[in-house]
Amino acid sequence: MHLALWIATGFLAVVALAGGVSKTFIPKEKLAVTPGGTWTGDSSVGFVKTLGGLELLAAAGLILPAVLDIAPVMVPVTSLCWVLLMVGAMITHGRRGESKFVALNLIYFAVAVFITWGRFGPESFTG
């Protein structure tokens, strides 16, 4: 179980890192014409960049607290935040009729729920 949680956490951290880098460093106009990024056309630059920054923090928050053994409870807290983020992403893509991105966000949601459950519960870093 511990290994499965680390694999899931690593996967989600890579997803967060990729999303964070793209939203933070790629111009909004360029994102708005990419598949899955059309929602950025209706959002402010500040919102997109802030979301990107939060995703970069999530990538760090999923890995570093446990690796450095500094407040490892932040791993499930971060994954819980990711659950909430994915609810928002599914709503956004659903309203736009982008069902394949809703399905993709549902996968990320499920992975984050698994991490949250596992790290708050049976495989807690505090136990």
C-alpha atoms as a PDB file:
ATOM      1  CA  MET A   1       0.000   0.000   0.000  1.00  0.00           C
ATOM      2  CA  HIS A   2       2.814   2.382   0.919  1.00  0.00           C
ATOM      3  CA  LEU A   3       4.432   1.862  -2.506  1.00  0.00           C
ATOM      4  CA  ALA A   4       1.127   2.319  -4.323  1.00  0.00           C
ATOM      5  CA  LEU A   5       0.588   5.590  -2.480  1.00  0.00           C
ATOM      6  CA  TRP A   6       4.073   6.812  -3.419  1.00  0.00           C
ATOM      7  CA  ILE A   7       3.479   5.899  -7.075  1.00  0.00           C
ATOM      8  CA  ALA A   8       0.119   7.692  -7.081  1.00  0.00           C
ATOM      9  CA  THR A   9       1.664  10.695  -5.345  1.00  0.00           C
ATOM     10  CA  GLY A  10       4.530  10.855  -7.821  1.00  0.00           C
ATOM     11  CA  PHE A  11       2.090  10.643 -10.719  1.00  0.00           C
ATOM     12  CA  LEU A  12      -0.078  13.432  -9.318  1.00  0.00           C
ATOM     13  CA  ALA A  13       2.982  15.576  -8.585  1.00  0.00           C
ATOM     14  CA  VAL A  14       4.067  15.269 -12.233  1.00  0.00           C
ATOM     15  CA  VAL A  15       0.561  16.221 -13.386  1.00  0.00           C
ATOM     16  CA  ALA A  16       0.576  19.231 -11.037  1.00  0.00           C
ATOM     17  CA  LEU A  17       4.065  20.254 -12.153  1.00  0.00           C
ATOM     18  CA  ALA A  18       3.166  20.056 -15.847  1.00  0.00           C
ATOM     19  CA  GLY A  19      -0.050  22.016 -15.342  1.00  0.00           C
ATOM     20  CA  GLY A  20       1.663  24.560 -13.134  1.00  0.00           C
ATOM     21  CA  VAL A  21       4.530  25.165 -15.534  1.00  0.00           C
ATOM     22  CA  SER A  22       2.203  25.553 -18.507  1.00  0.00           C
ATOM     23  CA  LYS A  23      -0.188  27.944 -16.745  1.00  0.00           C
ATOM     24  CA  THR A  24       2.619  29.966 -15.181  1.00  0.00           C
ATOM     25  CA  PHE A  25       5.012  30.287 -18.108  1.00  0.00           C
ATOM     26  CA  ILE A  26       2.992  29.887 -21.321  1.00  0.00           C
ATOM     27  CA  PRO A  27       1.099  33.009 -22.411  1.00  0.00           C
ATOM     28  CA  LYS A  28      -2.659  32.815 -21.846  1.00  0.00           C
ATOM     29  CA  GLU A  29      -3.338  33.461 -25.519  1.00  0.00           C
ATOM     30  CA  LYS A  30      -1.305  30.406 -26.469  1.00  0.00           C
ATOM     31  CA  LEU A  31      -3.020  28.248 -23.821  1.00  0.00           C
ATOM     32  CA  ALA A  32      -6.449  29.334 -25.053  1.00  0.00           C
ATOM     33  CA  VAL A  33      -5.915  27.614 -28.423  1.00  0.00           C
ATOM     34  CA  THR A  34      -4.665  24.307 -27.007  1.00  0.00           C
ATOM     35  CA  PRO A  35      -6.905  21.308 -26.315  1.00  0.00           C
ATOM     36  CA  GLY A  36      -8.084  21.499 -22.719  1.00  0.00           C
ATOM     37  CA  GLY A  37      -6.894  25.072 -22.381  1.00  0.00           C
ATOM     38  CA  THR A  38      -9.719  26.884 -24.132  1.00  0.00           C
ATOM     39  CA  TRP A  39     -11.206  27.833 -20.733  1.00  0.00           C
ATOM     40  CA  THR A  40      -8.282  30.213 -20.234  1.00  0.00           C
ATOM     41  CA  GLY A  41      -9.693  32.453 -22.953  1.00  0.00           C
ATOM     42  CA  ASP A  42     -12.540  33.344 -20.580  1.00  0.00           C
ATOM     43  CA  SER A  43     -10.254  33.906 -17.563  1.00  0.00           C
ATOM     44  CA  SER A  44      -7.954  36.721 -16.553  1.00  0.00           C
ATOM     45  CA  VAL A  45      -4.199  36.369 -16.876  1.00  0.00           C
ATOM     46  CA  GLY A  46      -3.904  36.798 -13.115  1.00  0.00           C
ATOM     47  CA  PHE A  47      -6.292  33.923 -12.440  1.00  0.00           C
ATOM     48  CA  VAL A  48      -4.488  31.565 -14.834  1.00  0.00           C
ATOM     49  CA  LYS A  49      -1.062  32.473 -13.394  1.00  0.00           C
ATOM     50  CA  THR A  50      -2.336  32.121  -9.818  1.00  0.00           C
ATOM     51  CA  LEU A  51      -3.764  28.709 -10.624  1.00  0.00           C
ATOM     52  CA  GLY A  52      -0.428  27.757 -12.168  1.00  0.00           C
ATOM     53  CA  GLY A  53       1.410  28.877  -9.057  1.00  0.00           C
ATOM     54  CA  LEU A  54      -0.925  26.850  -6.861  1.00  0.00           C
ATOM     55  CA  GLU A  55      -0.301  23.796  -9.016  1.00  0.00           C
ATOM     56  CA  LEU A  56       3.461  24.276  -8.632  1.00  0.00           C
ATOM     57  CA  LEU A  57       2.983  24.482  -4.866  1.00  0.00           C
ATOM     58  CA  ALA A  58       0.859  21.327  -5.022  1.00  0.00           C
ATOM     59  CA  ALA A  59       3.632  19.462  -6.842  1.00  0.00           C
ATOM     60  CA  ALA A  60       6.039  20.435  -4.070  1.00  0.00           C
ATOM     61  CA  GLY A  61       3.481  19.801  -1.315  1.00  0.00           C
ATOM     62  CA  LEU A  62       2.817  16.278  -2.499  1.00  0.00           C
ATOM     63  CA  ILE A  63       6.469  15.215  -2.319  1.00  0.00           C
ATOM     64  CA  LEU A  64       8.722  17.446  -0.220  1.00  0.00           C
ATOM     65  CA  PRO A  65       7.037  17.235   3.203  1.00  0.00           C
ATOM     66  CA  ALA A  66       7.369  13.445   3.287  1.00  0.00           C
ATOM     67  CA  VAL A  67      10.829  13.310   1.701  1.00  0.00           C
ATOM     68  CA  LEU A  68      12.228  15.972   4.034  1.00  0.00           C
ATOM     69  CA  ASP A  69      10.182  14.738   7.008  1.00  0.00           C
ATOM     70  CA  ILE A  70       9.007  18.284   7.683  1.00  0.00           C
ATOM     71  CA  ALA A  71       5.265  18.417   8.360  1.00  0.00           C
ATOM     72  CA  PRO A  72       4.460  15.261   6.348  1.00  0.00           C
ATOM     73  CA  VAL A  73       0.778  15.784   7.157  1.00  0.00           C
ATOM     74  CA  MET A  74       0.915  18.339   4.333  1.00  0.00           C
ATOM     75  CA  VAL A  75       0.911  15.493   1.790  1.00  0.00           C
ATOM     76  CA  PRO A  76      -2.711  14.435   2.436  1.00  0.00           C
ATOM     77  CA  VAL A  77      -3.704  18.065   3.014  1.00  0.00           C
ATOM     78  CA  THR A  78      -2.297  18.910  -0.427  1.00  0.00           C
ATOM     79  CA  SER A  79      -4.017  15.932  -2.038  1.00  0.00           C
ATOM     80  CA  LEU A  80      -7.298  17.001  -0.427  1.00  0.00           C
ATOM     81  CA  CYS A  81      -6.824  20.451  -1.953  1.00  0.00           C
ATOM     82  CA  TRP A  82      -6.220  18.734  -5.297  1.00  0.00           C
ATOM     83  CA  VAL A  83      -9.556  16.902  -4.884  1.00  0.00           C
ATOM     84  CA  LEU A  84     -11.275  20.282  -4.575  1.00  0.00           C
ATOM     85  CA  LEU A  85      -9.344  21.671  -7.534  1.00  0.00           C
ATOM     86  CA  MET A  86     -10.471  18.744  -9.679  1.00  0.00           C
ATOM     87  CA  VAL A  87     -14.103  19.319  -8.730  1.00  0.00           C
ATOM     88  CA  GLY A  88     -13.726  22.850 -10.072  1.00  0.00           C
ATOM     89  CA  ALA A  89     -11.943  21.595 -13.191  1.00  0.00           C
ATOM     90  CA  MET A  90     -14.694  19.044 -13.885  1.00  0.00           C
ATOM     91  CA  ILE A  91     -17.369  21.709 -13.491  1.00  0.00           C
ATOM     92  CA  THR A  92     -15.486  24.080 -15.793  1.00  0.00           C
ATOM     93  CA  HIS A  93     -14.906  21.487 -18.518  1.00  0.00           C
ATOM     94  CA  GLY A  94     -18.428  20.093 -18.098  1.00  0.00           C
ATOM     95  CA  ARG A  95     -19.979  23.498 -18.684  1.00  0.00           C
ATOM     96  CA  ARG A  96     -17.925  23.784 -21.856  1.00  0.00           C
ATOM     97  CA  GLY A  97     -19.021  20.342 -23.087  1.00  0.00           C
ATOM     98  CA  GLU A  98     -15.470  18.960 -22.906  1.00  0.00           C
ATOM     99  CA  SER A  99     -16.357  15.469 -21.703  1.00  0.00           C
ATOM    100  CA  LYS A 100     -12.933  13.924 -22.361  1.00  0.00           C
ATOM    101  CA  PHE A 101     -11.324  16.501 -20.047  1.00  0.00           C
ATOM    102  CA  VAL A 102     -14.005  15.860 -17.428  1.00  0.00           C
ATOM    103  CA  ALA A 103     -13.041  12.173 -17.612  1.00  0.00           C
ATOM    104  CA  LEU A 104      -9.342  13.020 -17.319  1.00  0.00           C
ATOM    105  CA  ASN A 105     -10.000  15.251 -14.302  1.00  0.00           C
ATOM    106  CA  LEU A 106     -12.065  12.440 -12.782  1.00  0.00           C
ATOM    107  CA  ILE A 107      -8.993  10.189 -12.964  1.00  0.00           C
ATOM    108  CA  TYR A 108      -6.861  12.837 -11.232  1.00  0.00           C
ATOM    109  CA  PHE A 109      -9.670  13.276  -8.684  1.00  0.00           C
ATOM    110  CA  ALA A 110      -9.722   9.535  -7.935  1.00  0.00           C
ATOM    111  CA  VAL A 111      -5.933   9.406  -7.536  1.00  0.00           C
ATOM    112  CA  ALA A 112      -6.059  12.356  -5.133  1.00  0.00           C
ATOM    113  CA  VAL A 113      -8.870  10.733  -3.124  1.00  0.00           C
ATOM    114  CA  PHE A 114      -6.756   7.565  -2.855  1.00  0.00           C
ATOM    115  CA  ILE A 115      -3.760   9.544  -1.602  1.00  0.00           C
ATOM    116  CA  THR A 116      -5.871  11.555   0.833  1.00  0.00           C
ATOM    117  CA  TRP A 117      -7.519   8.425   2.235  1.00  0.00           C
ATOM    118  CA  GLY A 118      -4.268   6.471   2.427  1.00  0.00           C
ATOM    119  CA  ARG A 119      -2.139   9.186   4.007  1.00  0.00           C
ATOM    120  CA  PHE A 120      -4.765  10.337   6.495  1.00  0.00           C
ATOM    121  CA  GLY A 121      -5.638   6.719   7.269  1.00  0.00           C
ATOM    122  CA  PRO A 122      -3.862   3.368   7.063  1.00  0.00           C
ATOM    123  CA  GLU A 123      -0.517   4.612   5.731  1.00  0.00           C
ATOM    124  CA  SER A 124      -0.200   7.854   7.639  1.00  0.00           C
ATOM    125  CA  PHE A 125       3.313   9.277   7.973  1.00  0.00           C
ATOM    126  CA  THR A 126       2.667   9.899  11.664  1.00  0.00           C
ATOM    127  CA  GLY A 127       2.017   6.267  12.560  1.00  0.00           C
END
